[in-house]
Amino acid sequence: MQTDYAGHTVPVVDPDTGVIFQAQIFVAVLGASSFTFAHASFSQKLPDWIEGQCRALTFFGGVTKAIVCDNLWMCGSPTGWSSSSMNHKRVGRHGRSLRHDDPAATRSR
């Protein structure tokens, strides 16, 4: 699974207040099939990134053997993560899930 935030934002209007905010679009793709998941979030901060990862894995119906992230620094390792190197305190529930399922993870660049 390859994940990243799209470069463009999408304006979203709060129906109660009329306030417009720019939603960040999290995208996950299964490379071989181009099966795609997209999720709008308030920011690209860690909690929104974790939610996007979890929603994508739920959407795809399980954990992939590998996750390629453009912003892998959020997991606490500049070179990649593994059950031994990942900063589990930073990623909480997502980290525990990855430790259990142990997918390979790499940076996209």
C-alpha atoms as a PDB file:
ATOM      1  CA  MET A   1       0.000   0.000   0.000  1.00  0.00           C
ATOM      2  CA  GLN A   2       1.363   3.409  -0.947  1.00  0.00           C
ATOM      3  CA  THR A   3       0.190   6.407   1.091  1.00  0.00           C
ATOM      4  CA  ASP A   4       0.570  10.172   0.908  1.00  0.00           C
ATOM      5  CA  TYR A   5      -1.362  13.399   1.107  1.00  0.00           C
ATOM      6  CA  ALA A   6      -2.477  14.868  -2.209  1.00  0.00           C
ATOM      7  CA  GLY A   7      -0.862  18.186  -3.033  1.00  0.00           C
ATOM      8  CA  HIS A   8      -4.124  20.057  -3.431  1.00  0.00           C
ATOM      9  CA  THR A   9      -6.664  20.819  -0.729  1.00  0.00           C
ATOM     10  CA  VAL A  10     -10.432  20.841  -1.053  1.00  0.00           C
ATOM     11  CA  PRO A  11     -12.625  23.581   0.413  1.00  0.00           C
ATOM     12  CA  VAL A  12     -15.198  22.224   2.866  1.00  0.00           C
ATOM     13  CA  VAL A  13     -18.024  24.348   4.286  1.00  0.00           C
ATOM     14  CA  ASP A  14     -19.280  23.825   7.827  1.00  0.00           C
ATOM     15  CA  PRO A  15     -23.067  23.745   7.321  1.00  0.00           C
ATOM     16  CA  ASP A  16     -23.740  25.189  10.776  1.00  0.00           C
ATOM     17  CA  THR A  17     -21.355  28.146  10.699  1.00  0.00           C
ATOM     18  CA  GLY A  18     -20.649  28.666   7.014  1.00  0.00           C
ATOM     19  CA  VAL A  19     -16.907  28.663   7.790  1.00  0.00           C
ATOM     20  CA  ILE A  20     -14.764  27.271   4.983  1.00  0.00           C
ATOM     21  CA  PHE A  21     -11.661  25.211   5.755  1.00  0.00           C
ATOM     22  CA  GLN A  22      -9.191  23.539   3.440  1.00  0.00           C
ATOM     23  CA  ALA A  23      -9.403  19.766   3.843  1.00  0.00           C
ATOM     24  CA  GLN A  24      -6.228  17.730   3.377  1.00  0.00           C
ATOM     25  CA  ILE A  25      -6.721  14.661   1.173  1.00  0.00           C
ATOM     26  CA  PHE A  26      -5.047  11.458   2.402  1.00  0.00           C
ATOM     27  CA  VAL A  27      -4.661   8.886  -0.378  1.00  0.00           C
ATOM     28  CA  ALA A  28      -3.757   5.191  -0.192  1.00  0.00           C
ATOM     29  CA  VAL A  29      -3.287   3.004  -3.263  1.00  0.00           C
ATOM     30  CA  LEU A  30      -2.738  -0.704  -3.764  1.00  0.00           C
ATOM     31  CA  GLY A  31      -0.112  -0.426  -6.479  1.00  0.00           C
ATOM     32  CA  ALA A  32      -0.721  -3.581  -8.517  1.00  0.00           C
ATOM     33  CA  SER A  33      -4.459  -2.994  -8.863  1.00  0.00           C
ATOM     34  CA  SER A  34      -4.607   0.824  -8.518  1.00  0.00           C
ATOM     35  CA  PHE A  35      -7.383   0.230  -5.968  1.00  0.00           C
ATOM     36  CA  THR A  36      -7.596   3.657  -4.307  1.00  0.00           C
ATOM     37  CA  PHE A  37      -8.816   5.049  -0.991  1.00  0.00           C
ATOM     38  CA  ALA A  38      -9.140   8.773  -0.228  1.00  0.00           C
ATOM     39  CA  HIS A  39     -10.042  10.509   3.030  1.00  0.00           C
ATOM     40  CA  ALA A  40     -10.460  14.219   3.823  1.00  0.00           C
ATOM     41  CA  SER A  41      -8.975  15.419   7.116  1.00  0.00           C
ATOM     42  CA  PHE A  42      -8.448  18.705   8.930  1.00  0.00           C
ATOM     43  CA  SER A  43      -4.645  18.534   8.821  1.00  0.00           C
ATOM     44  CA  GLN A  44      -1.615  16.422   8.015  1.00  0.00           C
ATOM     45  CA  LYS A  45      -0.685  16.115  11.673  1.00  0.00           C
ATOM     46  CA  LEU A  46       0.007  12.760  13.301  1.00  0.00           C
ATOM     47  CA  PRO A  47      -3.526  11.985  14.575  1.00  0.00           C
ATOM     48  CA  ASP A  48      -5.032  12.656  11.125  1.00  0.00           C
ATOM     49  CA  TRP A  49      -2.278  10.655   9.424  1.00  0.00           C
ATOM     50  CA  ILE A  50      -2.868   7.694  11.749  1.00  0.00           C
ATOM     51  CA  GLU A  51      -6.612   7.904  11.142  1.00  0.00           C
ATOM     52  CA  GLY A  52      -6.013   7.900   7.378  1.00  0.00           C
ATOM     53  CA  GLN A  53      -3.768   4.821   7.618  1.00  0.00           C
ATOM     54  CA  CYS A  54      -6.277   2.963   9.801  1.00  0.00           C
ATOM     55  CA  ARG A  55      -9.241   3.896   7.591  1.00  0.00           C
ATOM     56  CA  ALA A  56      -7.337   2.787   4.488  1.00  0.00           C
ATOM     57  CA  LEU A  57      -6.442  -0.601   5.980  1.00  0.00           C
ATOM     58  CA  THR A  58     -10.060  -1.054   7.066  1.00  0.00           C
ATOM     59  CA  PHE A  59     -11.287  -0.065   3.598  1.00  0.00           C
ATOM     60  CA  PHE A  60      -8.925  -2.551   1.926  1.00  0.00           C
ATOM     61  CA  GLY A  61      -9.999  -5.273   4.368  1.00  0.00           C
ATOM     62  CA  GLY A  62      -6.708  -6.033   6.099  1.00  0.00           C
ATOM     63  CA  VAL A  63      -3.041  -5.253   6.486  1.00  0.00           C
ATOM     64  CA  THR A  64      -0.834  -5.247   3.423  1.00  0.00           C
ATOM     65  CA  LYS A  65       2.595  -6.884   3.408  1.00  0.00           C
ATOM     66  CA  ALA A  66       4.228  -3.498   2.842  1.00  0.00           C
ATOM     67  CA  ILE A  67       3.306   0.133   3.458  1.00  0.00           C
ATOM     68  CA  VAL A  68       5.193   2.813   1.544  1.00  0.00           C
ATOM     69  CA  CYS A  69       4.748   6.242   3.125  1.00  0.00           C
ATOM     70  CA  ASP A  70       5.915   9.565   1.776  1.00  0.00           C
ATOM     71  CA  ASN A  71       5.932  11.078   5.286  1.00  0.00           C
ATOM     72  CA  LEU A  72       7.337   8.117   7.210  1.00  0.00           C
ATOM     73  CA  TRP A  73       9.120  10.455   9.667  1.00  0.00           C
ATOM     74  CA  MET A  74       5.847  10.452  11.609  1.00  0.00           C
ATOM     75  CA  CYS A  75       6.650   6.926  12.743  1.00  0.00           C
ATOM     76  CA  GLY A  76       9.833   8.137  14.357  1.00  0.00           C
ATOM     77  CA  SER A  77      12.403   6.596  12.046  1.00  0.00           C
ATOM     78  CA  PRO A  78      14.109   8.384   9.140  1.00  0.00           C
ATOM     79  CA  THR A  79      14.928   5.137   7.327  1.00  0.00           C
ATOM     80  CA  GLY A  80      11.828   3.030   7.873  1.00  0.00           C
ATOM     81  CA  TRP A  81      10.006   1.294  10.643  1.00  0.00           C
ATOM     82  CA  SER A  82       9.874  -2.156  12.054  1.00  0.00           C
ATOM     83  CA  SER A  83       8.463  -3.599  15.212  1.00  0.00           C
ATOM     84  CA  SER A  84      11.806  -2.907  16.888  1.00  0.00           C
ATOM     85  CA  SER A  85      12.632   0.560  15.501  1.00  0.00           C
ATOM     86  CA  MET A  86       9.239   2.272  15.417  1.00  0.00           C
ATOM     87  CA  ASN A  87       8.468   4.894  18.008  1.00  0.00           C
ATOM     88  CA  HIS A  88       5.337   3.180  19.378  1.00  0.00           C
ATOM     89  CA  LYS A  89       4.683   5.919  21.930  1.00  0.00           C
ATOM     90  CA  ARG A  90       4.240   8.462  19.128  1.00  0.00           C
ATOM     91  CA  VAL A  91       1.871   6.390  17.029  1.00  0.00           C
ATOM     92  CA  GLY A  92      -0.200   4.741  19.781  1.00  0.00           C
ATOM     93  CA  ARG A  93      -2.893   2.384  18.539  1.00  0.00           C
ATOM     94  CA  HIS A  94      -1.548   2.370  14.995  1.00  0.00           C
ATOM     95  CA  GLY A  95       1.887   1.388  16.291  1.00  0.00           C
ATOM     96  CA  ARG A  96       0.449  -1.483  18.319  1.00  0.00           C
ATOM     97  CA  SER A  97      -1.432  -2.680  15.234  1.00  0.00           C
ATOM     98  CA  LEU A  98       1.722  -2.546  13.118  1.00  0.00           C
ATOM     99  CA  ARG A  99       3.723  -4.317  15.810  1.00  0.00           C
ATOM    100  CA  HIS A 100       1.113  -7.115  15.780  1.00  0.00           C
ATOM    101  CA  ASP A 101       0.765  -7.412  11.987  1.00  0.00           C
ATOM    102  CA  ASP A 102       4.413  -6.434  11.278  1.00  0.00           C
ATOM    103  CA  PRO A 103       4.161  -5.212   7.671  1.00  0.00           C
ATOM    104  CA  ALA A 104       7.345  -4.044   5.988  1.00  0.00           C
ATOM    105  CA  ALA A 105       7.410  -0.268   5.712  1.00  0.00           C
ATOM    106  CA  THR A 106       9.645   1.958   3.668  1.00  0.00           C
ATOM    107  CA  ARG A 107       9.965   5.571   2.670  1.00  0.00           C
ATOM    108  CA  SER A 108       8.978   6.432  -0.862  1.00  0.00           C
ATOM    109  CA  ARG A 109      12.215   8.357  -1.404  1.00  0.00           C
END
